[in-house]
Amino acid sequence: MIMDIKLGFIGCGNMATAIINGAVSSGFIAGENIFVFDIDSEKTDFLREKYGLNVCNSAESVAENTEATVLAVKPQIFSTVLPQIKDTVAEKGTAIISIGAGKTLNFIGSFLDDGAKIVRVMPNINAKVGAAMSGVCRNKNVSDGLCEFTKDLCRSFGDVIEIEEDMFPLFSVIAGCSPAYAFMFIDSMAREAVKNGMNKKDALKICAQAVLGSAKTVLEDKDANAWALINSVCSPGGTTIEGIAVLEKEGFDETVMNAVKASLEKDKRL
């Protein structure tokens, strides 16, 4: 069902574009119900031509014309943009949906009135192919209905989970950083295939599809037991257990866990 709500975007970079593409392409919202602003008119002109949305001449105009506005500018300019829309948000009751990394509900709220409705969303890079994993949290002013709308928006370009805000740093690592780990894993397998005579394009396709299918299998496993799945692939005396033994000997598990730990510690220092 297409939502009737008017949705805005302040900032039209890669992530905002991916969200708009998912929302419109999935039929979640019509382009005519989307209002956007970006200082780069080429970006907004492209979106208008592709999705038939409305281009505004200011951030304030976006907030004025919408019931929920996605704040999709770089986090370092939140402190510039939020004061510009403060009065309009208070007057219209426009909800703010932030996709800015590292900017807390309290930080965003400090630039707005006490009654401001604020939702934080953290999508990952896979939004551009409609397969993001997003985390959502909200402040006390956000109704269940508004939160569910936000989660449905996220579902239009992937999947979503509502979590407590204090889990956002960890979420940003296991959902935000992990695609890079997965890309590295896929490329490493493909490079070894190339060493053994396969062309890189075919090797990447095979490895990527294998990882995609493995992820789907984990998600659809009612017991969500990854080790049981590993055991199911390992035939006695077979090729898979030989490779698993090497991964364990070389510290695969510990290396991955240390990567997560390092990324999390870096997030805490930012």
C-alpha atoms as a PDB file:
ATOM      1  CA  MET A   1       0.000   0.000   0.000  1.00  0.00           C
ATOM      2  CA  ILE A   2       1.392   3.395  -0.994  1.00  0.00           C
ATOM      3  CA  MET A   3       1.728   5.695   2.011  1.00  0.00           C
ATOM      4  CA  ASP A   4      -0.056   9.038   1.872  1.00  0.00           C
ATOM      5  CA  ILE A   5       2.418  10.733   4.182  1.00  0.00           C
ATOM      6  CA  LYS A   6       4.593  13.540   2.830  1.00  0.00           C
ATOM      7  CA  LEU A   7       8.244  12.615   3.279  1.00  0.00           C
ATOM      8  CA  GLY A   8      11.211  14.995   3.027  1.00  0.00           C
ATOM      9  CA  PHE A   9      14.957  14.693   2.534  1.00  0.00           C
ATOM     10  CA  ILE A  10      17.441  17.379   3.506  1.00  0.00           C
ATOM     11  CA  GLY A  11      20.572  16.277   1.693  1.00  0.00           C
ATOM     12  CA  CYS A  12      20.521  14.058  -1.386  1.00  0.00           C
ATOM     13  CA  GLY A  13      23.773  12.124  -1.263  1.00  0.00           C
ATOM     14  CA  ASN A  14      24.293   8.437  -1.965  1.00  0.00           C
ATOM     15  CA  MET A  15      22.397   7.122   1.046  1.00  0.00           C
ATOM     16  CA  ALA A  16      19.420   9.443   0.606  1.00  0.00           C
ATOM     17  CA  THR A  17      19.282   8.487  -3.066  1.00  0.00           C
ATOM     18  CA  ALA A  18      19.357   4.794  -2.163  1.00  0.00           C
ATOM     19  CA  ILE A  19      16.513   5.275   0.334  1.00  0.00           C
ATOM     20  CA  ILE A  20      14.430   7.236  -2.171  1.00  0.00           C
ATOM     21  CA  ASN A  21      15.023   4.577  -4.810  1.00  0.00           C
ATOM     22  CA  GLY A  22      13.923   1.814  -2.441  1.00  0.00           C
ATOM     23  CA  ALA A  23      10.888   3.719  -1.171  1.00  0.00           C
ATOM     24  CA  VAL A  24       9.613   4.624  -4.648  1.00  0.00           C
ATOM     25  CA  SER A  25      10.602   1.442  -6.490  1.00  0.00           C
ATOM     26  CA  SER A  26       8.971  -0.771  -3.864  1.00  0.00           C
ATOM     27  CA  GLY A  27       5.750   1.212  -4.063  1.00  0.00           C
ATOM     28  CA  PHE A  28       6.035   2.330  -0.442  1.00  0.00           C
ATOM     29  CA  ILE A  29       5.610   5.997  -1.335  1.00  0.00           C
ATOM     30  CA  ALA A  30       4.897   7.917  -4.532  1.00  0.00           C
ATOM     31  CA  GLY A  31       7.510  10.315  -5.860  1.00  0.00           C
ATOM     32  CA  GLU A  32       4.981  13.139  -5.791  1.00  0.00           C
ATOM     33  CA  ASN A  33       4.842  12.791  -1.993  1.00  0.00           C
ATOM     34  CA  ILE A  34       8.590  13.317  -1.566  1.00  0.00           C
ATOM     35  CA  PHE A  35      10.172  16.751  -1.069  1.00  0.00           C
ATOM     36  CA  VAL A  36      13.945  17.251  -1.256  1.00  0.00           C
ATOM     37  CA  PHE A  37      16.590  19.924  -0.838  1.00  0.00           C
ATOM     38  CA  ASP A  38      20.324  19.868  -1.486  1.00  0.00           C
ATOM     39  CA  ILE A  39      22.776  22.669  -2.185  1.00  0.00           C
ATOM     40  CA  ASP A  40      23.850  20.672  -5.241  1.00  0.00           C
ATOM     41  CA  SER A  41      21.053  21.275  -7.752  1.00  0.00           C
ATOM     42  CA  GLU A  42      22.372  18.568 -10.082  1.00  0.00           C
ATOM     43  CA  LYS A  43      21.484  15.947  -7.469  1.00  0.00           C
ATOM     44  CA  THR A  44      17.962  17.237  -6.939  1.00  0.00           C
ATOM     45  CA  ASP A  45      17.357  17.714 -10.665  1.00  0.00           C
ATOM     46  CA  PHE A  46      18.386  14.103 -11.276  1.00  0.00           C
ATOM     47  CA  LEU A  47      16.007  12.860  -8.567  1.00  0.00           C
ATOM     48  CA  ARG A  48      13.147  14.983  -9.904  1.00  0.00           C
ATOM     49  CA  GLU A  49      13.597  13.622 -13.406  1.00  0.00           C
ATOM     50  CA  LYS A  50      13.909  10.008 -12.269  1.00  0.00           C
ATOM     51  CA  TYR A  51      11.254   9.834  -9.536  1.00  0.00           C
ATOM     52  CA  GLY A  52       8.948  12.807 -10.173  1.00  0.00           C
ATOM     53  CA  LEU A  53       9.522  14.242  -6.705  1.00  0.00           C
ATOM     54  CA  ASN A  54       9.379  17.850  -5.554  1.00  0.00           C
ATOM     55  CA  VAL A  55      12.492  20.013  -5.265  1.00  0.00           C
ATOM     56  CA  CYS A  56      12.470  22.687  -2.538  1.00  0.00           C
ATOM     57  CA  ASN A  57      14.628  25.796  -2.324  1.00  0.00           C
ATOM     58  CA  SER A  58      15.592  25.397   1.346  1.00  0.00           C
ATOM     59  CA  ALA A  59      15.786  22.950   4.247  1.00  0.00           C
ATOM     60  CA  GLU A  60      13.036  24.923   5.959  1.00  0.00           C
ATOM     61  CA  SER A  61      10.747  24.450   2.953  1.00  0.00           C
ATOM     62  CA  VAL A  62      11.214  20.664   3.146  1.00  0.00           C
ATOM     63  CA  ALA A  63      10.217  20.620   6.818  1.00  0.00           C
ATOM     64  CA  GLU A  64       7.253  22.882   6.100  1.00  0.00           C
ATOM     65  CA  ASN A  65       5.844  20.628   3.374  1.00  0.00           C
ATOM     66  CA  THR A  66       6.292  17.248   5.058  1.00  0.00           C
ATOM     67  CA  GLU A  67       5.149  15.227   8.035  1.00  0.00           C
ATOM     68  CA  ALA A  68       8.499  13.464   8.385  1.00  0.00           C
ATOM     69  CA  THR A  69      11.860  14.698   7.125  1.00  0.00           C
ATOM     70  CA  VAL A  70      15.016  12.635   6.736  1.00  0.00           C
ATOM     71  CA  LEU A  71      18.093  14.554   7.835  1.00  0.00           C
ATOM     72  CA  ALA A  72      20.646  13.190   5.371  1.00  0.00           C
ATOM     73  CA  VAL A  73      23.380  15.818   5.469  1.00  0.00           C
ATOM     74  CA  LYS A  74      26.863  15.151   6.829  1.00  0.00           C
ATOM     75  CA  PRO A  75      26.849  14.929  10.643  1.00  0.00           C
ATOM     76  CA  GLN A  76      29.275  17.830  10.995  1.00  0.00           C
ATOM     77  CA  ILE A  77      26.730  20.265   9.563  1.00  0.00           C
ATOM     78  CA  PHE A  78      23.780  19.173  11.730  1.00  0.00           C
ATOM     79  CA  SER A  79      24.515  22.148  13.964  1.00  0.00           C
ATOM     80  CA  THR A  80      24.027  24.447  10.960  1.00  0.00           C
ATOM     81  CA  VAL A  81      20.914  22.846   9.479  1.00  0.00           C
ATOM     82  CA  LEU A  82      18.886  22.066  12.607  1.00  0.00           C
ATOM     83  CA  PRO A  83      18.579  25.700  13.791  1.00  0.00           C
ATOM     84  CA  GLN A  84      17.297  26.596  10.305  1.00  0.00           C
ATOM     85  CA  ILE A  85      14.341  24.235  10.646  1.00  0.00           C
ATOM     86  CA  LYS A  86      13.712  24.512  14.406  1.00  0.00           C
ATOM     87  CA  ASP A  87      10.744  26.901  14.235  1.00  0.00           C
ATOM     88  CA  THR A  88       9.104  25.079  11.335  1.00  0.00           C
ATOM     89  CA  VAL A  89       9.496  21.705  13.039  1.00  0.00           C
ATOM     90  CA  ALA A  90       7.899  23.110  16.200  1.00  0.00           C
ATOM     91  CA  GLU A  91       5.043  24.764  14.331  1.00  0.00           C
ATOM     92  CA  LYS A  92       4.250  21.911  11.919  1.00  0.00           C
ATOM     93  CA  GLY A  93       5.139  19.016  14.210  1.00  0.00           C
ATOM     94  CA  THR A  94       7.396  17.576  11.522  1.00  0.00           C
ATOM     95  CA  ALA A  95       9.181  14.424  12.659  1.00  0.00           C
ATOM     96  CA  ILE A  96      12.951  14.297  12.149  1.00  0.00           C
ATOM     97  CA  ILE A  97      14.495  11.043  10.932  1.00  0.00           C
ATOM     98  CA  SER A  98      18.274  11.256  11.210  1.00  0.00           C
ATOM     99  CA  ILE A  99      20.651   8.996   9.293  1.00  0.00           C
ATOM    100  CA  GLY A 100      23.716  10.831  10.595  1.00  0.00           C
ATOM    101  CA  ALA A 101      26.290   8.535  12.171  1.00  0.00           C
ATOM    102  CA  GLY A 102      27.323   9.335  15.714  1.00  0.00           C
ATOM    103  CA  LYS A 103      24.774  12.073  16.397  1.00  0.00           C
ATOM    104  CA  THR A 104      22.592  11.036  19.331  1.00  0.00           C
ATOM    105  CA  LEU A 105      18.940  11.740  19.967  1.00  0.00           C
ATOM    106  CA  ASN A 106      19.972  14.180  22.705  1.00  0.00           C
ATOM    107  CA  PHE A 107      22.407  15.968  20.405  1.00  0.00           C
ATOM    108  CA  ILE A 108      19.770  16.408  17.711  1.00  0.00           C
ATOM    109  CA  GLY A 109      17.162  17.392  20.284  1.00  0.00           C
ATOM    110  CA  SER A 110      19.424  20.071  21.733  1.00  0.00           C
ATOM    111  CA  PHE A 111      18.818  22.149  18.574  1.00  0.00           C
ATOM    112  CA  LEU A 112      15.031  21.649  18.611  1.00  0.00           C
ATOM    113  CA  ASP A 113      12.121  22.219  20.993  1.00  0.00           C
ATOM    114  CA  ASP A 114      11.426  19.737  23.783  1.00  0.00           C
ATOM    115  CA  GLY A 115       8.443  18.267  21.962  1.00  0.00           C
ATOM    116  CA  ALA A 116      10.380  17.371  18.813  1.00  0.00           C
ATOM    117  CA  LYS A 117       9.801  13.864  17.453  1.00  0.00           C
ATOM    118  CA  ILE A 118      13.188  12.363  16.584  1.00  0.00           C
ATOM    119  CA  VAL A 119      14.076   8.958  15.152  1.00  0.00           C
ATOM    120  CA  ARG A 120      17.599   7.749  14.480  1.00  0.00           C
ATOM    121  CA  VAL A 121      18.140   5.341  11.610  1.00  0.00           C
ATOM    122  CA  MET A 122      21.430   3.729  10.741  1.00  0.00           C
ATOM    123  CA  PRO A 123      21.349   1.972   7.349  1.00  0.00           C
ATOM    124  CA  ASN A 124      24.373   0.353   5.766  1.00  0.00           C
ATOM    125  CA  ILE A 125      25.904   0.515   2.299  1.00  0.00           C
ATOM    126  CA  ASN A 126      23.763  -2.351   1.007  1.00  0.00           C
ATOM    127  CA  ALA A 127      20.807   0.040   0.845  1.00  0.00           C
ATOM    128  CA  LYS A 128      21.909   0.785  -2.702  1.00  0.00           C
ATOM    129  CA  VAL A 129      20.884  -2.741  -3.742  1.00  0.00           C
ATOM    130  CA  GLY A 130      17.797  -2.904  -1.531  1.00  0.00           C
ATOM    131  CA  ALA A 131      19.481  -5.186   1.003  1.00  0.00           C
ATOM    132  CA  ALA A 132      20.433  -2.876   3.881  1.00  0.00           C
ATOM    133  CA  MET A 133      20.384  -3.797   7.535  1.00  0.00           C
ATOM    134  CA  SER A 134      19.145  -0.747   9.438  1.00  0.00           C
ATOM    135  CA  GLY A 135      18.933   0.021  13.141  1.00  0.00           C
ATOM    136  CA  VAL A 136      16.246   2.304  14.556  1.00  0.00           C
ATOM    137  CA  CYS A 137      15.769   4.070  17.882  1.00  0.00           C
ATOM    138  CA  ARG A 138      13.497   6.932  18.944  1.00  0.00           C
ATOM    139  CA  ASN A 139      12.959   9.560  21.585  1.00  0.00           C
ATOM    140  CA  LYS A 140      10.018   9.654  23.982  1.00  0.00           C
ATOM    141  CA  ASN A 141       7.949  11.910  21.696  1.00  0.00           C
ATOM    142  CA  VAL A 142       7.753   9.375  18.868  1.00  0.00           C
ATOM    143  CA  SER A 143       4.535   7.347  18.696  1.00  0.00           C
ATOM    144  CA  ASP A 144       4.427   3.655  17.874  1.00  0.00           C
ATOM    145  CA  GLY A 145       2.767   4.582  14.580  1.00  0.00           C
ATOM    146  CA  LEU A 146       5.565   6.933  13.547  1.00  0.00           C
ATOM    147  CA  CYS A 147       8.173   4.385  14.568  1.00  0.00           C
ATOM    148  CA  GLU A 148       6.435   1.696  12.525  1.00  0.00           C
ATOM    149  CA  PHE A 149       6.303   4.056   9.527  1.00  0.00           C
ATOM    150  CA  THR A 150      10.063   4.549   9.857  1.00  0.00           C
ATOM    151  CA  LYS A 151      10.657   0.808  10.055  1.00  0.00           C
ATOM    152  CA  ASP A 152       8.445   0.246   7.011  1.00  0.00           C
ATOM    153  CA  LEU A 153      10.484   2.875   5.168  1.00  0.00           C
ATOM    154  CA  CYS A 154      13.627   0.921   6.082  1.00  0.00           C
ATOM    155  CA  ARG A 155      12.022  -2.311   4.903  1.00  0.00           C
ATOM    156  CA  SER A 156      11.579  -0.718   1.474  1.00  0.00           C
ATOM    157  CA  PHE A 157      15.362  -0.871   1.011  1.00  0.00           C
ATOM    158  CA  GLY A 158      16.275  -3.865   3.217  1.00  0.00           C
ATOM    159  CA  ASP A 159      15.523  -5.051   6.731  1.00  0.00           C
ATOM    160  CA  VAL A 160      15.402  -3.285  10.105  1.00  0.00           C
ATOM    161  CA  ILE A 161      15.598  -3.838  13.830  1.00  0.00           C
ATOM    162  CA  GLU A 162      14.617  -1.462  16.646  1.00  0.00           C
ATOM    163  CA  ILE A 163      17.340  -1.299  19.279  1.00  0.00           C
ATOM    164  CA  GLU A 164      18.257   0.811  22.286  1.00  0.00           C
ATOM    165  CA  GLU A 165      20.426   3.798  21.435  1.00  0.00           C
ATOM    166  CA  ASP A 166      23.290   2.590  23.600  1.00  0.00           C
ATOM    167  CA  MET A 167      23.593  -0.376  21.202  1.00  0.00           C
ATOM    168  CA  PHE A 168      24.077   1.899  18.183  1.00  0.00           C
ATOM    169  CA  PRO A 169      27.907   1.909  18.343  1.00  0.00           C
ATOM    170  CA  LEU A 170      27.937  -1.896  18.320  1.00  0.00           C
ATOM    171  CA  PHE A 171      25.290  -1.975  15.600  1.00  0.00           C
ATOM    172  CA  SER A 172      27.381   0.385  13.478  1.00  0.00           C
ATOM    173  CA  VAL A 173      30.240  -2.127  13.631  1.00  0.00           C
ATOM    174  CA  ILE A 174      28.421  -5.418  13.036  1.00  0.00           C
ATOM    175  CA  ALA A 175      26.095  -3.944  10.402  1.00  0.00           C
ATOM    176  CA  GLY A 176      27.969  -0.900   9.104  1.00  0.00           C
ATOM    177  CA  CYS A 177      31.571  -2.125   9.000  1.00  0.00           C
ATOM    178  CA  SER A 178      30.882  -5.793   8.282  1.00  0.00           C
ATOM    179  CA  PRO A 179      30.055  -5.348   4.577  1.00  0.00           C
ATOM    180  CA  ALA A 180      33.704  -4.354   4.078  1.00  0.00           C
ATOM    181  CA  TYR A 181      34.793  -7.494   5.942  1.00  0.00           C
ATOM    182  CA  ALA A 182      32.483  -9.564   3.734  1.00  0.00           C
ATOM    183  CA  PHE A 183      33.792  -7.893   0.562  1.00  0.00           C
ATOM    184  CA  MET A 184      37.331  -8.722   1.673  1.00  0.00           C
ATOM    185  CA  PHE A 185      36.391 -12.353   2.355  1.00  0.00           C
ATOM    186  CA  ILE A 186      34.737 -12.683  -1.066  1.00  0.00           C
ATOM    187  CA  ASP A 187      37.678 -11.079  -2.838  1.00  0.00           C
ATOM    188  CA  SER A 188      40.209 -13.276  -1.005  1.00  0.00           C
ATOM    189  CA  MET A 189      38.429 -16.440  -2.124  1.00  0.00           C
ATOM    190  CA  ALA A 190      38.132 -15.100  -5.667  1.00  0.00           C
ATOM    191  CA  ARG A 191      41.840 -14.225  -5.823  1.00  0.00           C
ATOM    192  CA  GLU A 192      42.763 -17.789  -4.857  1.00  0.00           C
ATOM    193  CA  ALA A 193      40.434 -19.034  -7.587  1.00  0.00           C
ATOM    194  CA  VAL A 194      42.255 -16.774 -10.052  1.00  0.00           C
ATOM    195  CA  LYS A 195      45.573 -18.282  -8.911  1.00  0.00           C
ATOM    196  CA  ASN A 196      44.131 -21.646  -9.843  1.00  0.00           C
ATOM    197  CA  GLY A 197      43.092 -20.609 -13.336  1.00  0.00           C
ATOM    198  CA  MET A 198      39.608 -19.071 -13.111  1.00  0.00           C
ATOM    199  CA  ASN A 199      38.933 -15.581 -14.445  1.00  0.00           C
ATOM    200  CA  LYS A 200      38.217 -12.950 -11.787  1.00  0.00           C
ATOM    201  CA  LYS A 201      34.725 -12.041 -12.992  1.00  0.00           C
ATOM    202  CA  ASP A 202      33.465 -15.613 -12.746  1.00  0.00           C
ATOM    203  CA  ALA A 203      35.233 -16.170  -9.442  1.00  0.00           C
ATOM    204  CA  LEU A 204      33.685 -13.065  -7.871  1.00  0.00           C
ATOM    205  CA  LYS A 205      30.216 -14.047  -9.053  1.00  0.00           C
ATOM    206  CA  ILE A 206      30.542 -17.566  -7.665  1.00  0.00           C
ATOM    207  CA  CYS A 207      31.948 -16.441  -4.318  1.00  0.00           C
ATOM    208  CA  ALA A 208      29.461 -13.600  -3.886  1.00  0.00           C
ATOM    209  CA  GLN A 209      26.471 -15.823  -4.666  1.00  0.00           C
ATOM    210  CA  ALA A 210      27.781 -18.470  -2.269  1.00  0.00           C
ATOM    211  CA  VAL A 211      28.037 -15.882   0.515  1.00  0.00           C
ATOM    212  CA  LEU A 212      24.619 -14.453  -0.353  1.00  0.00           C
ATOM    213  CA  GLY A 213      23.046 -17.899  -0.202  1.00  0.00           C
ATOM    214  CA  SER A 214      24.842 -18.715   3.039  1.00  0.00           C
ATOM    215  CA  ALA A 215      23.515 -15.533   4.649  1.00  0.00           C
ATOM    216  CA  LYS A 216      20.001 -16.411   3.478  1.00  0.00           C
ATOM    217  CA  THR A 217      20.365 -19.891   4.937  1.00  0.00           C
ATOM    218  CA  VAL A 218      21.368 -18.469   8.323  1.00  0.00           C
ATOM    219  CA  LEU A 219      18.423 -16.053   8.295  1.00  0.00           C
ATOM    220  CA  GLU A 220      15.983 -18.826   7.448  1.00  0.00           C
ATOM    221  CA  ASP A 221      17.398 -21.335   9.930  1.00  0.00           C
ATOM    222  CA  LYS A 222      14.749 -21.482  12.661  1.00  0.00           C
ATOM    223  CA  ASP A 223      17.391 -22.299  15.266  1.00  0.00           C
ATOM    224  CA  ALA A 224      19.847 -19.673  13.965  1.00  0.00           C
ATOM    225  CA  ASN A 225      22.700 -22.056  14.720  1.00  0.00           C
ATOM    226  CA  ALA A 226      25.608 -21.232  12.448  1.00  0.00           C
ATOM    227  CA  TRP A 227      27.847 -24.001  13.800  1.00  0.00           C
ATOM    228  CA  ALA A 228      25.203 -26.634  13.086  1.00  0.00           C
ATOM    229  CA  LEU A 229      25.124 -25.359   9.519  1.00  0.00           C
ATOM    230  CA  ILE A 230      28.915 -25.540   9.325  1.00  0.00           C
ATOM    231  CA  ASN A 231      28.794 -29.144  10.493  1.00  0.00           C
ATOM    232  CA  SER A 232      26.148 -29.958   7.907  1.00  0.00           C
ATOM    233  CA  VAL A 233      28.547 -28.937   5.118  1.00  0.00           C
ATOM    234  CA  CYS A 234      31.548 -30.809   6.538  1.00  0.00           C
ATOM    235  CA  SER A 235      31.522 -34.395   5.297  1.00  0.00           C
ATOM    236  CA  PRO A 236      33.870 -36.750   7.169  1.00  0.00           C
ATOM    237  CA  GLY A 237      37.285 -36.650   5.522  1.00  0.00           C
ATOM    238  CA  GLY A 238      36.012 -34.156   2.937  1.00  0.00           C
ATOM    239  CA  THR A 239      37.296 -30.934   1.415  1.00  0.00           C
ATOM    240  CA  THR A 240      35.287 -28.527   3.585  1.00  0.00           C
ATOM    241  CA  ILE A 241      36.549 -29.793   6.932  1.00  0.00           C
ATOM    242  CA  GLU A 242      40.080 -29.513   5.572  1.00  0.00           C
ATOM    243  CA  GLY A 243      39.531 -25.820   4.897  1.00  0.00           C
ATOM    244  CA  ILE A 244      37.769 -25.289   8.242  1.00  0.00           C
ATOM    245  CA  ALA A 245      40.739 -26.826  10.036  1.00  0.00           C
ATOM    246  CA  VAL A 246      43.065 -24.319   8.357  1.00  0.00           C
ATOM    247  CA  LEU A 247      40.799 -21.384   9.241  1.00  0.00           C
ATOM    248  CA  GLU A 248      40.752 -22.472  12.866  1.00  0.00           C
ATOM    249  CA  LYS A 249      44.520 -23.051  12.936  1.00  0.00           C
ATOM    250  CA  GLU A 250      45.155 -19.604  11.441  1.00  0.00           C
ATOM    251  CA  GLY A 251      42.870 -17.912  13.966  1.00  0.00           C
ATOM    252  CA  PHE A 252      39.976 -16.982  11.668  1.00  0.00           C
ATOM    253  CA  ASP A 253      37.436 -16.647  14.502  1.00  0.00           C
ATOM    254  CA  GLU A 254      39.779 -14.621  16.698  1.00  0.00           C
ATOM    255  CA  THR A 255      40.811 -12.369  13.809  1.00  0.00           C
ATOM    256  CA  VAL A 256      37.206 -11.531  12.967  1.00  0.00           C
ATOM    257  CA  MET A 257      36.376 -10.905  16.623  1.00  0.00           C
ATOM    258  CA  ASN A 258      39.440  -8.668  16.971  1.00  0.00           C
ATOM    259  CA  ALA A 259      38.376  -6.713  13.884  1.00  0.00           C
ATOM    260  CA  VAL A 260      34.964  -6.081  15.449  1.00  0.00           C
ATOM    261  CA  LYS A 261      36.625  -5.094  18.716  1.00  0.00           C
ATOM    262  CA  ALA A 262      39.019  -2.673  16.978  1.00  0.00           C
ATOM    263  CA  SER A 263      36.215  -1.024  15.022  1.00  0.00           C
ATOM    264  CA  LEU A 264      34.105  -0.685  18.172  1.00  0.00           C
ATOM    265  CA  GLU A 265      36.983   0.872  20.126  1.00  0.00           C
ATOM    266  CA  LYS A 266      37.605   3.318  17.289  1.00  0.00           C
ATOM    267  CA  ASP A 267      33.908   4.277  17.283  1.00  0.00           C
ATOM    268  CA  LYS A 268      34.106   5.055  20.989  1.00  0.00           C
ATOM    269  CA  ARG A 269      37.072   7.383  20.374  1.00  0.00           C
ATOM    270  CA  LEU A 270      35.271   9.407  17.701  1.00  0.00           C
END
